[in-house]
PDB file of all heavy atoms in Angstrom:
ATOM      1  N   SER A   1      61.648  50.388-113.621  1.00  0.00           N
ATOM      2  CA  SER A   1      61.650  51.877-113.732  1.00  0.00           C
ATOM      3  C   SER A   1      60.288  52.365-113.225  1.00  0.00           C
ATOM      4  O   SER A   1      59.830  53.361-113.799  1.00  0.00           O
ATOM      5  CB  SER A   1      61.838  52.360-115.119  1.00  0.00           C
ATOM      6  OG  SER A   1      63.260  52.067-115.496  1.00  0.00           O
ATOM      7  N   SER A   2      59.783  51.728-112.309  1.00  0.00           N
ATOM      8  CA  SER A   2      58.535  52.166-111.651  1.00  0.00           C
ATOM      9  C   SER A   2      58.357  51.677-110.218  1.00  0.00           C
ATOM     10  O   SER A   2      59.207  50.949-109.803  1.00  0.00           O
ATOM     11  CB  SER A   2      57.249  51.562-112.404  1.00  0.00           C
ATOM     12  OG  SER A   2      57.319  50.109-112.339  1.00  0.00           O
ATOM     13  N   PHE A   3      57.518  52.287-109.503  1.00  0.00           N
ATOM     14  CA  PHE A   3      57.256  51.889-108.055  1.00  0.00           C
ATOM     15  C   PHE A   3      55.823  52.169-107.712  1.00  0.00           C
ATOM     16  O   PHE A   3      55.044  52.773-108.389  1.00  0.00           O
ATOM     17  CB  PHE A   3      58.129  52.859-107.272  1.00  0.00           C
ATOM     18  CG  PHE A   3      57.818  54.344-107.268  1.00  0.00           C
ATOM     19  CD1 PHE A   3      57.006  54.898-106.306  1.00  0.00           C
ATOM     20  CD2 PHE A   3      58.278  55.104-108.262  1.00  0.00           C
ATOM     21  CE1 PHE A   3      56.658  56.271-106.357  1.00  0.00           C
ATOM     22  CE2 PHE A   3      57.906  56.469-108.327  1.00  0.00           C
ATOM     23  CZ  PHE A   3      57.140  56.977-107.340  1.00  0.00           C
ATOM     24  N   ARG A   4      55.397  51.613-106.621  1.00  0.00           N
ATOM     25  CA  ARG A   4      54.068  51.712-106.103  1.00  0.00           C
ATOM     26  C   ARG A   4      54.055  52.076-104.649  1.00  0.00           C
ATOM     27  O   ARG A   4      54.706  51.572-103.708  1.00  0.00           O
ATOM     28  CB  ARG A   4      53.369  50.388-106.127  1.00  0.00           C
ATOM     29  CG  ARG A   4      51.948  50.410-105.837  1.00  0.00           C
ATOM     30  CD  ARG A   4      51.112  49.090-106.270  1.00  0.00           C
ATOM     31  NE  ARG A   4      51.729  48.092-105.529  1.00  0.00           N
ATOM     32  CZ  ARG A   4      51.623  46.730-105.762  1.00  0.00           C
ATOM     33  NH1 ARG A   4      51.097  46.468-106.918  1.00  0.00           N
ATOM     34  NH2 ARG A   4      52.093  45.781-105.101  1.00  0.00           N
ATOM     35  N   PRO A   5      53.509  53.341-104.297  1.00  0.00           N
ATOM     36  CA  PRO A   5      53.531  53.818-102.958  1.00  0.00           C
ATOM     37  C   PRO A   5      52.764  52.845-101.941  1.00  0.00           C
ATOM     38  O   PRO A   5      51.889  52.144-102.454  1.00  0.00           O
ATOM     39  CB  PRO A   5      52.772  55.226-102.993  1.00  0.00           C
ATOM     40  CG  PRO A   5      52.824  55.640-104.392  1.00  0.00           C
ATOM     41  CD  PRO A   5      52.893  54.276-105.292  1.00  0.00           C
ATOM     42  N   LEU A   6      53.145  52.747-100.802  1.00  0.00           N
ATOM     43  CA  LEU A   6      52.707  51.853 -99.830  1.00  0.00           C
ATOM     44  C   LEU A   6      51.141  52.150 -99.624  1.00  0.00           C
ATOM     45  O   LEU A   6      50.757  53.197 -99.350  1.00  0.00           O
ATOM     46  CB  LEU A   6      53.410  52.036 -98.559  1.00  0.00           C
ATOM     47  CG  LEU A   6      53.061  51.085 -97.379  1.00  0.00           C
ATOM     48  CD1 LEU A   6      53.447  49.609 -97.755  1.00  0.00           C
ATOM     49  CD2 LEU A   6      53.720  51.534 -96.083  1.00  0.00           C
ATOM     50  N   GLY A   7      50.350  51.025 -99.726  1.00  0.00           N
ATOM     51  CA  GLY A   7      48.900  51.244 -99.732  1.00  0.00           C
ATOM     52  C   GLY A   7      48.171  51.673-100.916  1.00  0.00           C
ATOM     53  O   GLY A   7      46.949  51.828-100.907  1.00  0.00           O
ATOM     54  N   SER A   8      48.931  51.838-101.989  1.00  0.00           N
ATOM     55  CA  SER A   8      48.311  52.204-103.345  1.00  0.00           C
ATOM     56  C   SER A   8      48.364  51.084-104.255  1.00  0.00           C
ATOM     57  O   SER A   8      49.271  50.139-104.272  1.00  0.00           O
ATOM     58  CB  SER A   8      49.162  53.362-103.857  1.00  0.00           C
ATOM     59  OG  SER A   8      48.707  53.640-105.212  1.00  0.00           O
ATOM     60  N   GLY A   9      47.263  51.021-105.175  1.00  0.00           N
ATOM     61  CA  GLY A   9      47.224  49.898-106.181  1.00  0.00           C
ATOM     62  C   GLY A   9      47.726  50.541-107.479  1.00  0.00           C
ATOM     63  O   GLY A   9      47.921  49.729-108.486  1.00  0.00           O
ATOM     64  N   ALA A  10      48.167  51.686-107.592  1.00  0.00           N
ATOM     65  CA  ALA A  10      48.631  52.376-108.782  1.00  0.00           C
ATOM     66  C   ALA A  10      50.165  52.343-108.893  1.00  0.00           C
ATOM     67  O   ALA A  10      50.755  52.541-107.938  1.00  0.00           O
ATOM     68  CB  ALA A  10      48.160  53.845-108.870  1.00  0.00           C
ATOM     69  N   THR A  11      50.635  52.009-110.095  1.00  0.00           N
ATOM     70  CA  THR A  11      52.110  51.995-110.338  1.00  0.00           C
ATOM     71  C   THR A  11      52.532  53.412-110.960  1.00  0.00           C
ATOM     72  O   THR A  11      51.820  53.860-111.911  1.00  0.00           O
ATOM     73  CB  THR A  11      52.440  50.908-111.273  1.00  0.00           C
ATOM     74  OG1 THR A  11      52.082  49.639-110.677  1.00  0.00           O
ATOM     75  CG2 THR A  11      53.813  50.858-111.523  1.00  0.00           C
ATOM     76  N   ILE A  12      53.559  53.932-110.536  1.00  0.00           N
ATOM     77  CA  ILE A  12      54.033  55.241-110.911  1.00  0.00           C
ATOM     78  C   ILE A  12      55.300  55.122-111.637  1.00  0.00           C
ATOM     79  O   ILE A  12      56.156  54.383-111.159  1.00  0.00           O
ATOM     80  CB  ILE A  12      54.131  56.201-109.681  1.00  0.00           C
ATOM     81  CG1 ILE A  12      52.830  56.441-108.958  1.00  0.00           C
ATOM     82  CG2 ILE A  12      54.783  57.489-110.182  1.00  0.00           C
ATOM     83  CD1 ILE A  12      53.026  57.264-107.763  1.00  0.00           C
ATOM     84  N   ARG A  13      55.454  55.701-112.803  1.00  0.00           N
ATOM     85  CA  ARG A  13      56.652  55.691-113.634  1.00  0.00           C
ATOM     86  C   ARG A  13      57.816  56.441-112.872  1.00  0.00           C
ATOM     87  O   ARG A  13      57.508  57.480-112.483  1.00  0.00           O
ATOM     88  CB  ARG A  13      56.397  56.277-114.988  1.00  0.00           C
ATOM     89  CG  ARG A  13      57.537  56.230-115.966  1.00  0.00           C
ATOM     90  CD  ARG A  13      57.809  54.888-116.421  1.00  0.00           C
ATOM     91  NE  ARG A  13      58.919  54.695-117.369  1.00  0.00           N
ATOM     92  CZ  ARG A  13      59.428  53.592-117.857  1.00  0.00           C
ATOM     93  NH1 ARG A  13      58.949  52.451-117.427  1.00  0.00           N
ATOM     94  NH2 ARG A  13      60.390  53.547-118.791  1.00  0.00           N
ATOM     95  N   ALA A  14      58.959  55.875-112.705  1.00  0.00           N
ATOM     96  CA  ALA A  14      60.031  56.527-112.012  1.00  0.00           C
ATOM     97  C   ALA A  14      60.986  57.120-113.051  1.00  0.00           C
ATOM     98  O   ALA A  14      61.641  56.472-113.850  1.00  0.00           O
ATOM     99  CB  ALA A  14      60.845  55.520-111.187  1.00  0.00           C
ATOM    100  N   ASN A  15      60.989  58.615-113.017  1.00  0.00           N
ATOM    101  CA  ASN A  15      61.907  59.239-113.981  1.00  0.00           C
ATOM    102  C   ASN A  15      63.116  59.808-113.140  1.00  0.00           C
ATOM    103  O   ASN A  15      63.230  60.940-112.782  1.00  0.00           O
ATOM    104  CB  ASN A  15      61.152  60.444-114.621  1.00  0.00           C
ATOM    105  CG  ASN A  15      62.072  61.222-115.554  1.00  0.00           C
ATOM    106  OD1 ASN A  15      63.117  60.696-115.939  1.00  0.00           O
ATOM    107  ND2 ASN A  15      61.671  62.455-115.768  1.00  0.00           N
ATOM    108  N   VAL A  16      63.946  58.820-112.757  1.00  0.00           N
ATOM    109  CA  VAL A  16      65.141  59.169-111.896  1.00  0.00           C
ATOM    110  C   VAL A  16      66.420  58.370-112.501  1.00  0.00           C
ATOM    111  O   VAL A  16      66.294  57.316-113.089  1.00  0.00           O
ATOM    112  CB  VAL A  16      65.016  58.790-110.429  1.00  0.00           C
ATOM    113  CG1 VAL A  16      63.861  59.659-109.884  1.00  0.00           C
ATOM    114  CG2 VAL A  16      64.747  57.375-110.305  1.00  0.00           C
ATOM    115  N   ARG A  17      67.514  58.943-112.160  1.00  0.00           N
ATOM    116  CA  ARG A  17      68.779  58.369-112.431  1.00  0.00           C
ATOM    117  C   ARG A  17      69.375  57.819-111.064  1.00  0.00           C
ATOM    118  O   ARG A  17      69.346  58.605-110.096  1.00  0.00           O
ATOM    119  CB  ARG A  17      69.769  59.250-113.050  1.00  0.00           C
ATOM    120  CG  ARG A  17      71.091  58.577-113.794  1.00  0.00           C
ATOM    121  CD  ARG A  17      72.254  58.655-112.960  1.00  0.00           C
ATOM    122  NE  ARG A  17      73.354  58.114-113.828  1.00  0.00           N
ATOM    123  CZ  ARG A  17      74.234  58.864-114.577  1.00  0.00           C
ATOM    124  NH1 ARG A  17      73.913  60.177-114.715  1.00  0.00           N
ATOM    125  NH2 ARG A  17      75.126  58.304-115.153  1.00  0.00           N
ATOM    126  N   VAL A  18      69.710  56.607-111.029  1.00  0.00           N
ATOM    127  CA  VAL A  18      70.229  56.045-109.808  1.00  0.00           C
ATOM    128  C   VAL A  18      71.674  55.954-109.657  1.00  0.00           C
ATOM    129  O   VAL A  18      72.292  55.397-110.611  1.00  0.00           O
ATOM    130  CB  VAL A  18      69.593  54.591-109.438  1.00  0.00           C
ATOM    131  CG1 VAL A  18      70.137  53.955-108.187  1.00  0.00           C
ATOM    132  CG2 VAL A  18      68.126  54.704-109.451  1.00  0.00           C
ATOM    133  N   ILE A  19      72.257  56.551-108.579  1.00  0.00           N
ATOM    134  CA  ILE A  19      73.673  56.263-108.288  1.00  0.00           C
ATOM    135  C   ILE A  19      73.755  55.652-106.901  1.00  0.00           C
ATOM    136  O   ILE A  19      73.243  56.136-105.910  1.00  0.00           O
ATOM    137  CB  ILE A  19      74.454  57.757-108.246  1.00  0.00           C
ATOM    138  CG1 ILE A  19      74.306  58.290-109.644  1.00  0.00           C
ATOM    139  CG2 ILE A  19      75.949  57.463-107.872  1.00  0.00           C
ATOM    140  CD1 ILE A  19      74.929  59.843-109.624  1.00  0.00           C
ATOM    141  N   ALA A  20      74.531  54.598-106.819  1.00  0.00           N
ATOM    142  CA  ALA A  20      74.619  53.876-105.518  1.00  0.00           C
ATOM    143  C   ALA A  20      76.109  53.882-105.106  1.00  0.00           C
ATOM    144  O   ALA A  20      77.003  54.087-105.925  1.00  0.00           O
ATOM    145  CB  ALA A  20      74.163  52.471-105.652  1.00  0.00           C
ATOM    146  N   ALA A  21      76.258  53.783-103.817  1.00  0.00           N
ATOM    147  CA  ALA A  21      77.578  53.833-103.244  1.00  0.00           C
ATOM    148  C   ALA A  21      77.699  52.838-102.167  1.00  0.00           C
ATOM    149  O   ALA A  21      76.690  52.466-101.395  1.00  0.00           O
ATOM    150  CB  ALA A  21      77.954  55.237-102.666  1.00  0.00           C
ATOM    151  N   CYS A  22      78.868  52.221-102.008  1.00  0.00           N
ATOM    152  CA  CYS A  22      79.103  51.204-100.956  1.00  0.00           C
ATOM    153  C   CYS A  22      80.570  51.301-100.535  1.00  0.00           C
ATOM    154  O   CYS A  22      81.398  51.704-101.322  1.00  0.00           O
ATOM    155  CB  CYS A  22      78.721  49.798-101.485  1.00  0.00           C
ATOM    156  SG  CYS A  22      79.800  49.140-102.800  1.00  0.00           S
ATOM    157  N   ASN A  23      80.851  50.865 -99.350  1.00  0.00           N
ATOM    158  CA  ASN A  23      82.250  50.803 -98.830  1.00  0.00           C
ATOM    159  C   ASN A  23      82.659  49.290 -98.501  1.00  0.00           C
ATOM    160  O   ASN A  23      83.543  49.072 -97.925  1.00  0.00           O
ATOM    161  CB  ASN A  23      82.454  51.687 -97.733  1.00  0.00           C
ATOM    162  CG  ASN A  23      81.522  51.397 -96.522  1.00  0.00           C
ATOM    163  OD1 ASN A  23      80.995  50.321 -96.371  1.00  0.00           O
ATOM    164  ND2 ASN A  23      81.196  52.502 -95.837  1.00  0.00           N
ATOM    165  N   SER A  24      81.867  48.397 -99.101  1.00  0.00           N
ATOM    166  CA  SER A  24      82.111  46.886 -98.948  1.00  0.00           C
ATOM    167  C   SER A  24      82.318  46.212-100.295  1.00  0.00           C
ATOM    168  O   SER A  24      82.012  46.841-101.262  1.00  0.00           O
ATOM    169  CB  SER A  24      81.027  46.305 -98.178  1.00  0.00           C
ATOM    170  OG  SER A  24      80.665  46.776 -96.894  1.00  0.00           O
ATOM    171  N   ASP A  25      82.841  45.145-100.298  1.00  0.00           N
ATOM    172  CA  ASP A  25      83.052  44.414-101.553  1.00  0.00           C
ATOM    173  C   ASP A  25      81.699  43.676-101.798  1.00  0.00           C
ATOM    174  O   ASP A  25      81.343  42.660-101.260  1.00  0.00           O
ATOM    175  CB  ASP A  25      84.177  43.425-101.394  1.00  0.00           C
ATOM    176  CG  ASP A  25      84.416  42.552-102.643  1.00  0.00           C
ATOM    177  OD1 ASP A  25      83.640  42.739-103.636  1.00  0.00           O
ATOM    178  OD2 ASP A  25      85.518  41.882-102.747  1.00  0.00           O
ATOM    179  N   LEU A  26      80.864  44.168-102.785  1.00  0.00           N
ATOM    180  CA  LEU A  26      79.564  43.708-103.006  1.00  0.00           C
ATOM    181  C   LEU A  26      79.684  42.270-103.584  1.00  0.00           C
ATOM    182  O   LEU A  26      78.781  41.425-103.336  1.00  0.00           O
ATOM    183  CB  LEU A  26      78.759  44.533-103.953  1.00  0.00           C
ATOM    184  CG  LEU A  26      78.262  45.812-103.346  1.00  0.00           C
ATOM    185  CD1 LEU A  26      77.293  46.511-104.416  1.00  0.00           C
ATOM    186  CD2 LEU A  26      77.443  45.598-102.160  1.00  0.00           C
ATOM    187  N   GLN A  27      80.574  42.024-104.395  1.00  0.00           N
ATOM    188  CA  GLN A  27      80.847  40.688-104.970  1.00  0.00           C
ATOM    189  C   GLN A  27      81.036  39.620-103.914  1.00  0.00           C
ATOM    190  O   GLN A  27      80.455  38.496-103.896  1.00  0.00           O
ATOM    191  CB  GLN A  27      81.940  40.646-105.941  1.00  0.00           C
ATOM    192  CG  GLN A  27      81.640  41.423-107.233  1.00  0.00           C
ATOM    193  CD  GLN A  27      82.809  41.199-108.335  1.00  0.00           C
ATOM    194  OE1 GLN A  27      83.989  41.042-107.988  1.00  0.00           O
ATOM    195  NE2 GLN A  27      82.441  41.272-109.583  1.00  0.00           N
ATOM    196  N   GLN A  28      81.690  40.004-102.868  1.00  0.00           N
ATOM    197  CA  GLN A  28      82.054  39.020-101.702  1.00  0.00           C
ATOM    198  C   GLN A  28      80.643  38.864-101.029  1.00  0.00           C
ATOM    199  O   GLN A  28      80.338  37.855-100.512  1.00  0.00           O
ATOM    200  CB  GLN A  28      83.110  39.622-100.797  1.00  0.00           C
ATOM    201  CG  GLN A  28      83.378  38.713 -99.581  1.00  0.00           C
ATOM    202  CD  GLN A  28      83.847  37.383-100.041  1.00  0.00           C
ATOM    203  OE1 GLN A  28      84.559  37.235-101.026  1.00  0.00           O
ATOM    204  NE2 GLN A  28      83.547  36.306 -99.334  1.00  0.00           N
ATOM    205  N   LEU A  29      79.890  40.012-100.818  1.00  0.00           N
ATOM    206  CA  LEU A  29      78.689  39.917-100.138  1.00  0.00           C
ATOM    207  C   LEU A  29      77.633  39.015-100.877  1.00  0.00           C
ATOM    208  O   LEU A  29      76.861  38.307-100.152  1.00  0.00           O
ATOM    209  CB  LEU A  29      77.993  41.277 -99.894  1.00  0.00           C
ATOM    210  CG  LEU A  29      78.779  42.260 -98.962  1.00  0.00           C
ATOM    211  CD1 LEU A  29      78.009  43.517 -98.869  1.00  0.00           C
ATOM    212  CD2 LEU A  29      79.008  41.609 -97.532  1.00  0.00           C
ATOM    213  N   VAL A  30      77.705  39.130-102.167  1.00  0.00           N
ATOM    214  CA  VAL A  30      76.841  38.170-102.974  1.00  0.00           C
ATOM    215  C   VAL A  30      77.242  36.701-102.765  1.00  0.00           C
ATOM    216  O   VAL A  30      76.314  35.824-102.606  1.00  0.00           O
ATOM    217  CB  VAL A  30      77.071  38.480-104.492  1.00  0.00           C
ATOM    218  CG1 VAL A  30      76.385  37.433-105.312  1.00  0.00           C
ATOM    219  CG2 VAL A  30      76.399  39.913-104.730  1.00  0.00           C
ATOM    220  N   LYS A  31      78.577  36.381-102.612  1.00  0.00           N
ATOM    221  CA  LYS A  31      79.034  35.069-102.337  1.00  0.00           C
ATOM    222  C   LYS A  31      78.536  34.619-101.011  1.00  0.00           C
ATOM    223  O   LYS A  31      78.166  33.425-100.857  1.00  0.00           O
ATOM    224  CB  LYS A  31      80.513  34.901-102.469  1.00  0.00           C
ATOM    225  CG  LYS A  31      81.061  35.177-103.930  1.00  0.00           C
ATOM    226  CD  LYS A  31      82.600  35.153-103.897  1.00  0.00           C
ATOM    227  CE  LYS A  31      83.125  35.419-105.266  1.00  0.00           C
ATOM    228  NZ  LYS A  31      84.639  35.342-105.269  1.00  0.00           N
ATOM    229  N   GLU A  32      78.581  35.534-100.072  1.00  0.00           N
ATOM    230  CA  GLU A  32      77.969  35.181 -98.703  1.00  0.00           C
ATOM    231  C   GLU A  32      76.423  35.170 -98.556  1.00  0.00           C
ATOM    232  O   GLU A  32      76.027  35.045 -97.405  1.00  0.00           O
ATOM    233  CB  GLU A  32      78.680  36.183 -97.737  1.00  0.00           C
ATOM    234  CG  GLU A  32      80.257  36.112 -97.756  1.00  0.00           C
ATOM    235  CD  GLU A  32      80.819  37.216 -96.958  1.00  0.00           C
ATOM    236  OE1 GLU A  32      80.076  37.973 -96.332  1.00  0.00           O
ATOM    237  OE2 GLU A  32      82.154  37.152 -96.768  1.00  0.00           O
ATOM    238  N   LYS A  33      75.798  35.351 -99.649  1.00  0.00           N
ATOM    239  CA  LYS A  33      74.310  35.460 -99.695  1.00  0.00           C
ATOM    240  C   LYS A  33      73.696  36.576 -98.763  1.00  0.00           C
ATOM    241  O   LYS A  33      72.607  36.614 -98.300  1.00  0.00           O
ATOM    242  CB  LYS A  33      73.798  34.089 -99.113  1.00  0.00           C
ATOM    243  CG  LYS A  33      74.209  32.896 -99.781  1.00  0.00           C
ATOM    244  CD  LYS A  33      73.922  32.869-101.234  1.00  0.00           C
ATOM    245  CE  LYS A  33      74.417  31.564-102.002  1.00  0.00           C
ATOM    246  NZ  LYS A  33      74.078  31.554-103.458  1.00  0.00           N
ATOM    247  N   ARG A  34      74.650  37.610 -98.621  1.00  0.00           N
ATOM    248  CA  ARG A  34      74.085  38.835 -97.919  1.00  0.00           C
ATOM    249  C   ARG A  34      73.674  40.028 -98.764  1.00  0.00           C
ATOM    250  O   ARG A  34      73.122  40.973 -98.375  1.00  0.00           O
ATOM    251  CB  ARG A  34      75.202  39.274 -96.929  1.00  0.00           C
ATOM    252  CG  ARG A  34      75.421  38.256 -95.759  1.00  0.00           C
ATOM    253  CD  ARG A  34      76.174  38.932 -94.703  1.00  0.00           C
ATOM    254  NE  ARG A  34      77.679  39.081 -95.069  1.00  0.00           N
ATOM    255  CZ  ARG A  34      78.440  40.131 -94.590  1.00  0.00           C
ATOM    256  NH1 ARG A  34      77.989  40.964 -93.704  1.00  0.00           N
ATOM    257  NH2 ARG A  34      79.694  40.149 -95.067  1.00  0.00           N
ATOM    258  N   PHE A  35      73.979  39.845-100.066  1.00  0.00           N
ATOM    259  CA  PHE A  35      73.428  40.879-101.152  1.00  0.00           C
ATOM    260  C   PHE A  35      72.955  40.087-102.400  1.00  0.00           C
ATOM    261  O   PHE A  35      73.627  39.087-102.788  1.00  0.00           O
ATOM    262  CB  PHE A  35      74.614  41.749-101.391  1.00  0.00           C
ATOM    263  CG  PHE A  35      74.175  43.067-102.073  1.00  0.00           C
ATOM    264  CD1 PHE A  35      73.826  44.085-101.221  1.00  0.00           C
ATOM    265  CD2 PHE A  35      74.068  43.297-103.458  1.00  0.00           C
ATOM    266  CE1 PHE A  35      73.367  45.389-101.808  1.00  0.00           C
ATOM    267  CE2 PHE A  35      73.595  44.337-103.963  1.00  0.00           C
ATOM    268  CZ  PHE A  35      73.302  45.577-103.132  1.00  0.00           C
ATOM    269  N   ARG A  36      71.884  40.476-102.834  1.00  0.00           N
ATOM    270  CA  ARG A  36      71.228  39.891-104.080  1.00  0.00           C
ATOM    271  C   ARG A  36      72.038  39.973-105.187  1.00  0.00           C
ATOM    272  O   ARG A  36      72.450  41.089-105.626  1.00  0.00           O
ATOM    273  CB  ARG A  36      69.763  40.373-104.244  1.00  0.00           C
ATOM    274  CG  ARG A  36      68.914  40.130-103.082  1.00  0.00           C
ATOM    275  CD  ARG A  36      67.421  40.686-103.370  1.00  0.00           C
ATOM    276  NE  ARG A  36      66.978  40.119-104.598  1.00  0.00           N
ATOM    277  CZ  ARG A  36      65.721  39.608-104.787  1.00  0.00           C
ATOM    278  NH1 ARG A  36      64.983  39.551-103.765  1.00  0.00           N
ATOM    279  NH2 ARG A  36      65.327  39.170-105.916  1.00  0.00           N
ATOM    280  N   ALA A  37      72.344  38.815-105.868  1.00  0.00           N
ATOM    281  CA  ALA A  37      73.173  38.909-107.118  1.00  0.00           C
ATOM    282  C   ALA A  37      72.452  39.674-108.184  1.00  0.00           C
ATOM    283  O   ALA A  37      73.041  40.448-108.965  1.00  0.00           O
ATOM    284  CB  ALA A  37      73.355  37.467-107.624  1.00  0.00           C
ATOM    285  N   ASP A  38      71.085  39.573-108.289  1.00  0.00           N
ATOM    286  CA  ASP A  38      70.437  40.228-109.405  1.00  0.00           C
ATOM    287  C   ASP A  38      70.304  41.744-109.152  1.00  0.00           C
ATOM    288  O   ASP A  38      70.454  42.591-110.062  1.00  0.00           O
ATOM    289  CB  ASP A  38      68.924  39.727-109.476  1.00  0.00           C
ATOM    290  CG  ASP A  38      68.240  39.584-108.199  1.00  0.00           C
ATOM    291  OD1 ASP A  38      68.756  39.931-107.176  1.00  0.00           O
ATOM    292  OD2 ASP A  38      67.081  39.134-108.095  1.00  0.00           O
ATOM    293  N   LEU A  39      70.235  42.167-107.886  1.00  0.00           N
ATOM    294  CA  LEU A  39      70.525  43.663-107.615  1.00  0.00           C
ATOM    295  C   LEU A  39      71.843  44.132-107.826  1.00  0.00           C
ATOM    296  O   LEU A  39      72.105  45.238-108.392  1.00  0.00           O
ATOM    297  CB  LEU A  39      70.044  43.910-106.092  1.00  0.00           C
ATOM    298  CG  LEU A  39      70.179  45.443-105.690  1.00  0.00           C
ATOM    299  CD1 LEU A  39      69.264  46.282-106.531  1.00  0.00           C
ATOM    300  CD2 LEU A  39      69.762  45.454-104.241  1.00  0.00           C
TER     301      LEU A  39
END
């Protein structure tokens, strides 16, 4: 729940809610090693 701007050494707390969308089968992409399982 944090990020670091490019070129910065400071970490910033991220106060956001994340909604993601896809039109592919992510589980199949994970099996094909094209999408990270942890993500």
